[in-house]
């Protein structure tokens, strides 16, 4: 008898929200572009593409579903929540003088503190 490893709650939630999460990730990638400041997509992509569970966007999507929301704005809200979280990580790494985040060199180490803070501010905006 093969006993399967039970799925983690995070993985079960991700499976339930897979379509919406794909839409959130697509929106995040689309909004990272900036024709006027090429550093913005470089720094943002470095952190966003490094992974992470996307727990905050998943909780936003799940709350929308639990409340019976039927529109499409929940995807925008979930992407916004992820951008705010990413901005706080960029700022936190500067304040803490961190060298690694999610197993990779931090943006402030690869670029500089000024770029990390300004891109974090951009994501807040």
Protein backbone atom coordinates (compact mmCIF):
# COMPACT_ATOMS: atom_id res chain seq x y z
CA UNK A 1 0.00 0.00 0.00
CA UNK A 2 1.43 3.36 -1.06
CA UNK A 3 0.58 6.17 1.29
CA UNK A 4 0.83 9.49 -0.47
CA UNK A 5 2.38 12.40 1.34
CA UNK A 6 -0.43 14.72 2.32
CA UNK A 7 -0.48 18.05 0.55
CA UNK A 8 0.47 21.09 2.56
CA UNK A 9 -2.39 23.55 3.15
CA UNK A 10 -0.56 26.14 1.04
CA UNK A 11 -0.40 23.71 -1.89
CA UNK A 12 -4.10 22.83 -1.58
CA UNK A 13 -5.02 26.52 -1.61
CA UNK A 14 -2.76 27.15 -4.61
CA UNK A 15 -4.46 24.30 -6.48
CA UNK A 16 -7.91 25.75 -5.75
CA UNK A 17 -6.83 29.20 -6.96
CA UNK A 18 -4.60 28.11 -9.86
CA UNK A 19 -6.40 30.06 -12.59
CA UNK A 20 -6.54 33.25 -10.57
CA UNK A 21 -2.91 32.86 -9.47
CA UNK A 22 -1.85 32.52 -13.10
CA UNK A 23 -3.70 35.77 -13.84
CA UNK A 24 -2.00 37.47 -10.88
CA UNK A 25 1.44 36.33 -12.02
CA UNK A 26 0.75 37.49 -15.58
CA UNK A 27 -0.36 40.90 -14.31
CA UNK A 28 2.73 41.18 -12.10
CA UNK A 29 5.00 40.44 -15.08
CA UNK A 30 3.14 42.96 -17.26
CA UNK A 31 3.31 45.72 -14.63
CA UNK A 32 7.04 45.26 -14.02
CA UNK A 33 7.82 46.83 -17.40
CA UNK A 34 9.05 50.41 -17.54
CA UNK A 35 10.24 52.06 -20.72
CA UNK A 36 11.62 55.06 -18.84
CA UNK A 37 13.56 53.33 -16.07
CA UNK A 38 15.12 50.00 -17.08
CA UNK A 39 16.38 49.37 -13.55
CA UNK A 40 12.79 48.92 -12.33
CA UNK A 41 12.07 45.67 -14.22
CA UNK A 42 15.57 44.35 -13.49
CA UNK A 43 15.34 44.79 -9.73
CA UNK A 44 11.67 43.81 -9.49
CA UNK A 45 12.14 40.69 -11.61
CA UNK A 46 15.11 39.65 -9.49
CA UNK A 47 12.93 39.49 -6.39
CA UNK A 48 9.55 38.49 -7.86
CA UNK A 49 10.98 35.69 -10.00
CA UNK A 50 13.03 34.37 -7.06
CA UNK A 51 9.97 32.50 -5.95
CA UNK A 52 8.06 32.69 -2.77
CA UNK A 53 4.73 31.15 -1.97
CA UNK A 54 2.55 34.11 -3.00
CA UNK A 55 0.68 33.56 0.27
CA UNK A 56 -0.58 37.14 0.50
CA UNK A 57 -2.09 37.16 -2.99
CA UNK A 58 -3.60 33.73 -2.34
CA UNK A 59 -5.26 34.95 0.84
CA UNK A 60 -6.60 37.97 -1.06
CA UNK A 61 -8.02 35.72 -3.80
CA UNK A 62 -9.46 33.28 -1.26
CA UNK A 63 -11.13 36.10 0.67
CA UNK A 64 -12.72 37.39 -2.53
CA UNK A 65 -14.03 33.92 -3.30
CA UNK A 66 -15.32 33.40 0.25
CA UNK A 67 -17.20 36.70 0.05
CA UNK A 68 -18.82 35.66 -3.22
CA UNK A 69 -17.04 38.26 -5.34
CA UNK A 70 -17.66 37.56 -9.04
CA UNK A 71 -15.73 40.34 -10.80
CA UNK A 72 -12.13 40.50 -12.01
CA UNK A 73 -10.72 43.21 -9.75
CA UNK A 74 -9.61 40.67 -7.14
CA UNK A 75 -6.72 39.77 -9.45
CA UNK A 76 -5.59 43.42 -9.52
CA UNK A 77 -5.89 43.63 -5.75
CA UNK A 78 -3.89 40.43 -5.24
CA UNK A 79 -1.13 41.72 -7.56
CA UNK A 80 -1.11 45.00 -5.64
CA UNK A 81 -0.72 43.12 -2.36
CA UNK A 82 2.27 41.25 -3.82
CA UNK A 83 3.86 44.48 -5.06
CA UNK A 84 3.48 46.07 -1.62
CA UNK A 85 5.03 42.99 -0.03
CA UNK A 86 7.90 43.05 -2.54
CA UNK A 87 8.48 46.75 -1.83
CA UNK A 88 8.74 46.04 1.89
CA UNK A 89 11.27 43.27 1.22
CA UNK A 90 13.41 45.64 -0.86
CA UNK A 91 13.33 48.28 1.87
CA UNK A 92 13.91 45.70 4.62
CA UNK A 93 17.04 44.37 2.92
CA UNK A 94 18.47 47.90 2.79
CA UNK A 95 17.68 48.63 6.45
CA UNK A 96 19.03 45.25 7.61
CA UNK A 97 21.99 45.38 5.20
CA UNK A 98 21.00 41.86 4.12
CA UNK A 99 23.09 39.95 1.62
CA UNK A 100 20.64 37.13 0.80
CA UNK A 101 16.90 36.79 0.26
CA UNK A 102 15.27 33.47 -0.71
CA UNK A 103 18.73 31.97 -1.20
CA UNK A 104 19.84 34.62 -3.68
CA UNK A 105 21.88 37.82 -3.41
CA UNK A 106 19.70 40.76 -2.44
CA UNK A 107 18.93 43.57 -4.87
CA UNK A 108 20.84 46.08 -2.77
CA UNK A 109 23.91 43.83 -2.98
CA UNK A 110 23.61 43.36 -6.76
CA UNK A 111 22.76 46.97 -7.57
CA UNK A 112 22.85 49.44 -4.69
CA UNK A 113 20.75 50.77 -1.82
CA UNK A 114 19.48 53.72 -3.85
CA UNK A 115 18.09 51.44 -6.59
CA UNK A 116 16.48 49.12 -4.05
CA UNK A 117 14.77 51.97 -2.20
CA UNK A 118 13.62 53.72 -5.38
CA UNK A 119 12.24 50.52 -6.91
CA UNK A 120 10.51 49.74 -3.61
CA UNK A 121 8.98 53.22 -3.69
CA UNK A 122 7.89 52.66 -7.30
CA UNK A 123 6.14 49.44 -6.30
CA UNK A 124 4.33 51.24 -3.48
CA UNK A 125 3.08 53.86 -5.94
